[in-house]
Each structure stands twice: as structure tokens, then as C-alpha cells.
């Protein structure tokens, strides 16, 4: 597995790609990164919640604990800049 410092820049470079399968892969990559890098992945999802396509966001948050997922979804729906919000 690549270190997080190499994975997240690769994922970030693909956030604006319009291909459906690329967006699905972005979500899968984030979902799988939760195992070895849970804190870093959650921070990345929070930071980029508005930039993630709905497909990527759904896949990326699928394995988050329900309370965390619900909070991130609510902030995304509200349009909050979650990267600037304090984490409780």
C-alpha cells in the first residue's frame, strides 16, 4: 500500500474528472484508504466533501460509522466548508 502522502494527492487530482467510472474509483479508493489511514481519510473527505461527486461521496462514506457519515452528509447538504469546521 502506498503511504497516505502519495495516495491523497493522486485522488485529489481526479476529483474534477467527469467520467463516471473515475468518480466511482475515487470513492472506492477513499473507502479502502479508511482501513490503513482512518483519520487522514476522514479529514480528506471532510475537506473535499463539496468537491466530491455524489457517486464518489456515496462510495467514500459507505464504511464510515453511521454517526460520522450522518454528520458529514448533513454538512455537505448544508454546503458547509467542513475543512474549516472544528472536529468534535
C-alpha atoms as a PDB file:
ATOM      1  CA  UNK A   1       0.000   0.000   0.000  1.00  0.00           C
ATOM      2  CA  UNK A   2       1.226   3.466  -0.849  1.00  0.00           C
ATOM      3  CA  UNK A   3       1.707   5.912   2.003  1.00  0.00           C
ATOM      4  CA  UNK A   4      -1.151   8.364   2.562  1.00  0.00           C
ATOM      5  CA  UNK A   5       1.055  11.233   1.442  1.00  0.00           C
ATOM      6  CA  UNK A   6       1.103   9.705  -2.031  1.00  0.00           C
ATOM      7  CA  UNK A   7      -2.453   8.373  -2.192  1.00  0.00           C
ATOM      8  CA  UNK A   8      -4.375  11.536  -1.368  1.00  0.00           C
ATOM      9  CA  UNK A   9      -2.690  13.791  -3.955  1.00  0.00           C
ATOM     10  CA  UNK A  10      -3.472  11.176  -6.630  1.00  0.00           C
ATOM     11  CA  UNK A  11      -7.120  11.077  -5.571  1.00  0.00           C
ATOM     12  CA  UNK A  12      -7.322  14.865  -5.361  1.00  0.00           C
ATOM     13  CA  UNK A  13      -6.086  15.175  -8.943  1.00  0.00           C
ATOM     14  CA  UNK A  14      -9.107  13.147 -10.109  1.00  0.00           C
ATOM     15  CA  UNK A  15     -11.852  14.982  -8.224  1.00  0.00           C
ATOM     16  CA  UNK A  16     -12.905  17.052 -11.247  1.00  0.00           C
ATOM     17  CA  UNK A  17     -12.771  14.206 -13.765  1.00  0.00           C
ATOM     18  CA  UNK A  18     -16.214  13.856 -15.318  1.00  0.00           C
ATOM     19  CA  UNK A  19     -16.002  10.144 -16.133  1.00  0.00           C
ATOM     20  CA  UNK A  20     -18.483   8.139 -14.080  1.00  0.00           C
ATOM     21  CA  UNK A  21     -16.089   5.236 -13.625  1.00  0.00           C
ATOM     22  CA  UNK A  22     -13.270   7.512 -12.482  1.00  0.00           C
ATOM     23  CA  UNK A  23     -15.597   9.002  -9.865  1.00  0.00           C
ATOM     24  CA  UNK A  24     -16.615   5.537  -8.706  1.00  0.00           C
ATOM     25  CA  UNK A  25     -12.903   4.653  -8.429  1.00  0.00           C
ATOM     26  CA  UNK A  26     -12.256   7.836  -6.407  1.00  0.00           C
ATOM     27  CA  UNK A  27     -14.926   6.725  -3.944  1.00  0.00           C
ATOM     28  CA  UNK A  28     -13.567   3.181  -3.807  1.00  0.00           C
ATOM     29  CA  UNK A  29     -10.017   4.421  -3.228  1.00  0.00           C
ATOM     30  CA  UNK A  30     -11.171   6.615  -0.348  1.00  0.00           C
ATOM     31  CA  UNK A  31     -13.282   3.831   1.115  1.00  0.00           C
ATOM     32  CA  UNK A  32     -10.336   1.441   1.052  1.00  0.00           C
ATOM     33  CA  UNK A  33      -7.981   4.103   2.454  1.00  0.00           C
ATOM     34  CA  UNK A  34     -10.157   4.194   5.584  1.00  0.00           C
ATOM     35  CA  UNK A  35      -8.622   0.922   6.779  1.00  0.00           C
ATOM     36  CA  UNK A  36      -4.937   1.931   6.917  1.00  0.00           C
ATOM     37  CA  UNK A  37      -5.468   5.718   7.233  1.00  0.00           C
ATOM     38  CA  UNK A  38      -8.786   6.345   9.035  1.00  0.00           C
ATOM     39  CA  UNK A  39      -8.101   9.826  10.419  1.00  0.00           C
ATOM     40  CA  UNK A  40      -6.391  11.106   7.267  1.00  0.00           C
ATOM     41  CA  UNK A  41      -9.128   9.720   5.030  1.00  0.00           C
ATOM     42  CA  UNK A  42     -11.920  11.182   7.117  1.00  0.00           C
ATOM     43  CA  UNK A  43     -10.143  14.547   7.076  1.00  0.00           C
ATOM     44  CA  UNK A  44      -9.773  14.329   3.283  1.00  0.00           C
ATOM     45  CA  UNK A  45     -13.472  13.508   2.862  1.00  0.00           C
ATOM     46  CA  UNK A  46     -14.449  16.387   5.154  1.00  0.00           C
ATOM     47  CA  UNK A  47     -12.143  18.795   3.362  1.00  0.00           C
ATOM     48  CA  UNK A  48     -13.336  17.798  -0.109  1.00  0.00           C
ATOM     49  CA  UNK A  49     -16.971  16.964   0.669  1.00  0.00           C
ATOM     50  CA  UNK A  50     -18.262  19.682  -1.650  1.00  0.00           C
ATOM     51  CA  UNK A  51     -15.862  18.739  -4.470  1.00  0.00           C
ATOM     52  CA  UNK A  52     -16.621  15.002  -4.408  1.00  0.00           C
ATOM     53  CA  UNK A  53     -19.228  13.905  -6.935  1.00  0.00           C
ATOM     54  CA  UNK A  54     -22.322  12.314  -5.439  1.00  0.00           C
ATOM     55  CA  UNK A  55     -21.143   8.908  -6.696  1.00  0.00           C
ATOM     56  CA  UNK A  56     -17.655   9.304  -5.178  1.00  0.00           C
ATOM     57  CA  UNK A  57     -19.078  10.705  -1.936  1.00  0.00           C
ATOM     58  CA  UNK A  58     -21.517   7.813  -1.536  1.00  0.00           C
ATOM     59  CA  UNK A  59     -18.818   5.203  -2.099  1.00  0.00           C
ATOM     60  CA  UNK A  60     -16.263   7.012   0.081  1.00  0.00           C
ATOM     61  CA  UNK A  61     -18.566   7.319   3.084  1.00  0.00           C
ATOM     62  CA  UNK A  62     -20.133   3.860   2.850  1.00  0.00           C
ATOM     63  CA  UNK A  63     -17.931   2.334   5.594  1.00  0.00           C
ATOM     64  CA  UNK A  64     -17.873   5.302   7.969  1.00  0.00           C
ATOM     65  CA  UNK A  65     -19.632   4.795  11.292  1.00  0.00           C
ATOM     66  CA  UNK A  66     -23.279   5.912  10.935  1.00  0.00           C
ATOM     67  CA  UNK A  67     -22.947   8.943  13.214  1.00  0.00           C
ATOM     68  CA  UNK A  68     -19.864  10.237  11.390  1.00  0.00           C
ATOM     69  CA  UNK A  69     -21.442   9.639   8.000  1.00  0.00           C
ATOM     70  CA  UNK A  70     -24.670  11.401   9.024  1.00  0.00           C
ATOM     71  CA  UNK A  71     -22.752  14.433  10.267  1.00  0.00           C
ATOM     72  CA  UNK A  72     -20.646  14.709   7.101  1.00  0.00           C
ATOM     73  CA  UNK A  73     -23.734  14.244   4.891  1.00  0.00           C
ATOM     74  CA  UNK A  74     -25.598  16.971   6.816  1.00  0.00           C
ATOM     75  CA  UNK A  75     -22.688  19.381   6.442  1.00  0.00           C
ATOM     76  CA  UNK A  76     -22.381  18.576   2.742  1.00  0.00           C
ATOM     77  CA  UNK A  77     -26.092  19.189   2.209  1.00  0.00           C
ATOM     78  CA  UNK A  78     -25.859  22.461   4.089  1.00  0.00           C
ATOM     79  CA  UNK A  79     -22.898  23.484   1.940  1.00  0.00           C
ATOM     80  CA  UNK A  80     -20.601  23.969   4.896  1.00  0.00           C
ATOM     81  CA  UNK A  81     -16.882  24.198   4.341  1.00  0.00           C
ATOM     82  CA  UNK A  82     -16.166  21.232   6.591  1.00  0.00           C
ATOM     83  CA  UNK A  83     -12.410  21.676   6.333  1.00  0.00           C
ATOM     84  CA  UNK A  84     -12.737  24.885   8.350  1.00  0.00           C
ATOM     85  CA  UNK A  85     -15.099  23.477  10.958  1.00  0.00           C
ATOM     86  CA  UNK A  86     -13.704  22.199  14.237  1.00  0.00           C
ATOM     87  CA  UNK A  87     -13.932  18.456  14.665  1.00  0.00           C
ATOM     88  CA  UNK A  88     -15.717  17.399  17.840  1.00  0.00           C
END
